[in-house]
Amino acid sequence: MFSPDGSLSRILSTVFDVLMIGILWLVTSLPIITLVPATISAYHTMAKVVRYKSGYIREEFFAEFKANFKRTLPLMIVNTVLTALFVVELVYLWSLDAKKYGPMFMIVLGIAFLYTCVIMYIPAFLSRFDEKVWDVIKLSAYVAFRYLPVTVLMIIVLIAACLAVWIAPWACVVLPGVYIFLITFPMEKILKVFIEDDEDAWWEDNSDTNTKE
C-alpha cells in the first residue's frame, strides 16, 4: 500500500502533480497578459505528465510556455483587452438602473458568454496543433457549439471554482490544478475526433513539438 508502486502512492503522486501544475499556472499567469501561454502550458503538462504519465512537470511546462509565448502574443493582447472590457462593462451596467439598462446588460453578458465558449477550447487546441492561431480559433468556435453541453458544463464548473476562490482566497492554490485536470477528460475525447492518427502517441515524443498535428 505504501510502496512506490502502491495505489496510495500513485494517488498521492497524482495529487501532488495536479497541485504543482496549478501553482505553476498561477505564478506564470499573474501578469494577466500571459494567461494564454500559461494555460496552454498547464493543459499540455496536465495531459502529458498526469494523464499519460510521460515527461516531467517543470521541463514540459516551461518548454511549452516558451514555445507558445511569441506564437500567441497577439492573442494575449486581444484576450486581455476584451476580458477587461467585458468585466468593466458588466460591472458598470450592473450598478445602473435594472429597468433601463437591464437589456443592455443581458446583451453584453450574452456576448461575453459566446466569447468564453470559444476561449475555453483555444489553449487545449493550441497545445496540440501547429496550425496558425487564427485557424485554431475558428476550430475552437466550431467545437464550442458542436459540443455545447460540454462547453456549458465546463463554464459552470469554472464559475463555481471562481466563486470558491472569491469566498476562500486560499483555494486559488488548489482549484486551478483541479479544474485543469478535470477538463482534460472531455477535452481529450474531443481532441481525438480531430486528430486523424492518434496511434503515434504524441505524449511519448520528448521533442519540443510533441508530434503536434
Protein backbone atom coordinates (compact mmCIF):
# COMPACT_ATOMS: atom_id res chain seq x y z
CA MET A 1 0.00 0.00 0.00
CA PHE A 2 2.82 2.37 0.91
CA SER A 3 5.26 1.03 -1.66
CA PRO A 4 6.31 3.34 -4.53
CA ASP A 5 4.08 1.32 -6.85
CA GLY A 6 1.16 1.06 -4.41
CA SER A 7 -2.24 2.60 -5.07
CA LEU A 8 -1.90 5.16 -2.28
CA SER A 9 1.50 6.31 -3.56
CA ARG A 10 0.13 6.72 -7.08
CA ILE A 11 -2.84 8.73 -5.81
CA LEU A 12 -0.64 10.99 -3.68
CA SER A 13 1.77 11.45 -6.61
CA THR A 14 -1.11 12.45 -8.89
CA VAL A 15 -2.48 14.90 -6.32
CA PHE A 16 0.96 16.47 -5.92
CA ASP A 17 1.41 16.77 -9.70
CA VAL A 18 -2.04 18.35 -10.14
CA LEU A 19 -1.38 20.90 -7.41
CA MET A 20 2.11 21.68 -8.73
CA ILE A 21 0.82 22.34 -12.25
CA GLY A 22 -1.89 24.57 -10.82
CA ILE A 23 0.67 26.57 -8.86
CA LEU A 24 2.88 26.95 -11.93
CA TRP A 25 -0.15 28.18 -13.88
CA LEU A 26 -1.00 30.65 -11.11
CA VAL A 27 2.52 32.07 -10.95
CA THR A 28 3.02 32.37 -14.73
CA SER A 29 -0.41 33.91 -15.30
CA LEU A 30 -0.06 36.58 -12.60
CA PRO A 31 0.96 39.24 -15.17
CA ILE A 32 -2.55 38.60 -16.63
CA ILE A 33 -1.36 39.15 -20.20
CA THR A 34 0.50 35.81 -20.03
CA LEU A 35 -2.71 33.94 -19.20
CA VAL A 36 -2.89 32.34 -22.65
CA PRO A 37 0.56 30.69 -22.80
CA ALA A 38 0.28 29.79 -19.10
CA THR A 39 -3.00 27.97 -19.73
CA ILE A 40 -1.63 26.24 -22.83
CA SER A 41 1.36 25.06 -20.81
CA ALA A 42 -0.78 23.91 -17.90
CA TYR A 43 -3.13 21.91 -20.14
CA HIS A 44 -0.26 20.35 -22.10
CA THR A 45 1.59 19.35 -18.94
CA MET A 46 -1.55 18.05 -17.22
CA ALA A 47 -2.44 15.86 -20.19
CA LYS A 48 1.05 14.61 -20.91
CA VAL A 49 2.50 14.16 -17.42
CA VAL A 50 -0.55 13.44 -15.27
CA ARG A 51 -2.94 11.74 -17.68
CA TYR A 52 -0.44 9.92 -19.92
CA LYS A 53 2.43 9.54 -17.44
CA SER A 54 5.16 10.90 -19.71
CA GLY A 55 7.77 13.58 -19.15
CA TYR A 56 8.45 15.86 -16.20
CA ILE A 57 6.36 18.76 -14.96
CA ARG A 58 8.92 21.56 -14.92
CA GLU A 59 10.51 20.67 -18.25
CA GLU A 60 7.20 20.20 -20.06
CA PHE A 61 5.57 23.30 -18.60
CA PHE A 62 8.33 25.80 -19.34
CA ALA A 63 9.19 24.32 -22.74
CA GLU A 64 5.55 24.74 -23.79
CA PHE A 65 5.37 28.22 -22.28
CA LYS A 66 8.45 29.31 -24.21
CA ALA A 67 7.20 27.74 -27.45
CA ASN A 68 3.83 29.49 -27.26
CA PHE A 69 4.75 32.89 -25.85
CA LYS A 70 5.72 34.56 -29.12
CA ARG A 71 3.23 32.50 -31.11
CA THR A 72 0.27 33.72 -29.07
CA LEU A 73 1.41 37.29 -28.36
CA PRO A 74 -1.34 38.95 -30.47
CA LEU A 75 -3.92 36.64 -28.89
CA MET A 76 -2.61 37.53 -25.43
CA ILE A 77 -3.14 41.23 -26.09
CA VAL A 78 -6.60 40.78 -27.60
CA ASN A 79 -7.73 38.43 -24.82
CA THR A 80 -6.51 40.82 -22.10
CA VAL A 81 -8.25 43.82 -23.66
CA LEU A 82 -11.53 42.01 -24.36
CA THR A 83 -11.68 40.41 -20.93
CA ALA A 84 -11.05 43.77 -19.26
CA LEU A 85 -13.74 45.42 -21.40
CA PHE A 86 -16.30 42.74 -20.58
CA VAL A 87 -15.62 42.95 -16.84
CA VAL A 88 -15.70 46.74 -16.72
CA GLU A 89 -18.83 46.98 -18.86
CA LEU A 90 -20.72 44.31 -16.92
CA VAL A 91 -19.82 45.81 -13.54
CA TYR A 92 -20.82 49.27 -14.76
CA LEU A 93 -24.16 48.14 -16.21
CA TRP A 94 -24.90 46.09 -13.09
CA SER A 95 -24.57 49.25 -10.99
CA LEU A 96 -27.16 51.13 -13.08
CA ASP A 97 -30.94 51.00 -13.04
CA ALA A 98 -32.03 47.47 -13.91
CA LYS A 99 -35.22 48.50 -15.73
CA LYS A 100 -33.42 50.91 -18.01
CA TYR A 101 -30.12 49.12 -18.57
CA GLY A 102 -31.14 45.50 -17.91
CA PRO A 103 -31.49 44.61 -21.63
CA MET A 104 -28.06 46.09 -22.40
CA PHE A 105 -26.57 44.12 -19.51
CA MET A 106 -28.04 40.89 -20.91
CA ILE A 107 -26.69 41.65 -24.40
CA VAL A 108 -23.16 42.24 -23.11
CA LEU A 109 -23.44 39.16 -20.90
CA GLY A 110 -24.52 37.10 -23.91
CA ILE A 111 -21.57 38.30 -25.99
CA ALA A 112 -19.23 37.56 -23.07
CA PHE A 113 -20.70 34.06 -22.82
CA LEU A 114 -20.12 33.39 -26.52
CA TYR A 115 -16.55 34.62 -26.20
CA THR A 116 -16.00 32.39 -23.17
CA CYS A 117 -17.36 29.38 -25.05
CA VAL A 118 -14.71 29.81 -27.74
CA ILE A 119 -11.81 30.69 -25.44
CA MET A 120 -12.41 27.53 -23.41
CA TYR A 121 -11.01 25.35 -26.21
CA ILE A 122 -8.19 27.51 -27.56
CA PRO A 123 -5.46 26.56 -25.02
CA ALA A 124 -6.01 22.81 -25.41
CA PHE A 125 -6.09 23.03 -29.20
CA LEU A 126 -3.01 25.26 -29.36
CA SER A 127 -1.19 22.77 -27.15
CA ARG A 128 -1.81 20.03 -29.70
CA PHE A 129 -1.93 21.65 -33.14
CA ASP A 130 0.69 23.60 -35.06
CA GLU A 131 -1.78 25.41 -37.31
CA LYS A 132 -1.98 29.20 -37.37
CA VAL A 133 -3.59 30.71 -34.29
CA TRP A 134 -6.49 32.10 -36.34
CA ASP A 135 -7.24 28.62 -37.73
CA VAL A 136 -7.24 27.20 -34.21
CA ILE A 137 -9.62 29.96 -33.07
CA LYS A 138 -12.04 29.07 -35.88
CA LEU A 139 -11.83 25.38 -34.97
CA SER A 140 -12.43 26.24 -31.32
CA ALA A 141 -15.54 28.23 -32.24
CA TYR A 142 -16.87 25.29 -34.24
CA VAL A 143 -16.17 22.79 -31.46
CA ALA A 144 -17.60 25.07 -28.75
CA PHE A 145 -21.04 24.93 -30.32
CA ARG A 146 -20.86 21.43 -31.73
CA TYR A 147 -20.27 20.19 -28.17
CA LEU A 148 -22.34 22.90 -26.50
CA PRO A 149 -23.47 20.79 -23.47
CA VAL A 150 -19.83 20.00 -22.68
CA THR A 151 -18.89 23.64 -23.17
CA VAL A 152 -21.62 24.86 -20.82
CA LEU A 153 -20.68 22.26 -18.21
CA MET A 154 -17.03 23.37 -18.26
CA ILE A 155 -18.10 27.01 -17.90
CA ILE A 156 -20.36 26.15 -14.96
CA VAL A 157 -17.52 24.34 -13.22
CA LEU A 158 -15.22 27.30 -13.96
CA ILE A 159 -17.73 29.75 -12.46
CA ALA A 160 -18.09 27.52 -9.39
CA ALA A 161 -14.29 27.45 -8.99
CA CYS A 162 -14.09 31.25 -9.32
CA LEU A 163 -16.82 31.69 -6.70
CA ALA A 164 -14.99 29.30 -4.39
CA VAL A 165 -11.81 31.37 -4.74
CA TRP A 166 -13.82 34.54 -4.12
CA ILE A 167 -15.17 33.07 -0.88
CA ALA A 168 -11.94 31.37 0.18
CA PRO A 169 -8.90 33.02 -1.49
CA TRP A 170 -6.58 30.23 -0.31
CA ALA A 171 -8.37 27.94 -2.79
CA CYS A 172 -6.51 29.69 -5.64
CA VAL A 173 -3.59 27.39 -4.80
CA VAL A 174 -5.69 24.23 -5.17
CA LEU A 175 -8.52 24.80 -7.64
CA PRO A 176 -6.63 25.80 -10.81
CA GLY A 177 -4.86 22.45 -10.99
CA VAL A 178 -8.01 20.53 -10.09
CA TYR A 179 -10.04 22.35 -12.75
CA ILE A 180 -7.45 21.82 -15.49
CA PHE A 181 -7.19 18.15 -14.53
CA LEU A 182 -10.96 17.70 -14.74
CA ILE A 183 -11.35 19.33 -18.15
CA THR A 184 -8.68 17.08 -19.68
CA PHE A 185 -11.23 14.23 -19.63
CA PRO A 186 -13.83 15.73 -22.00
CA MET A 187 -11.18 17.74 -23.86
CA GLU A 188 -9.03 14.74 -24.75
CA LYS A 189 -12.06 12.88 -26.12
CA ILE A 190 -12.92 15.86 -28.30
CA LEU A 191 -9.32 16.30 -29.46
CA LYS A 192 -9.17 12.69 -30.64
CA VAL A 193 -12.05 13.40 -33.01
CA PHE A 194 -9.87 15.95 -34.83
CA ILE A 195 -6.62 14.01 -34.76
CA GLU A 196 -6.50 11.68 -37.75
CA ASP A 197 -3.88 9.33 -36.35
CA ASP A 198 -3.61 9.14 -32.58
CA GLU A 199 -1.60 5.90 -32.68
CA ASP A 200 1.72 7.77 -32.73
CA ALA A 201 1.12 8.77 -29.09
CA TRP A 202 2.28 12.41 -29.08
CA TRP A 203 3.00 12.18 -25.35
CA GLU A 204 5.78 9.67 -25.97
CA ASP A 205 7.74 12.22 -28.04
CA ASN A 206 10.12 14.24 -25.86
CA SER A 207 10.77 16.84 -28.56
CA ASP A 208 9.50 20.39 -28.29
CA THR A 209 6.81 19.82 -30.86
CA ASN A 210 5.35 16.76 -29.16
CA THR A 211 4.15 15.48 -32.54
CA LYS A 212 1.51 18.16 -32.87
CA GLU A 213 -0.64 17.63 -35.88
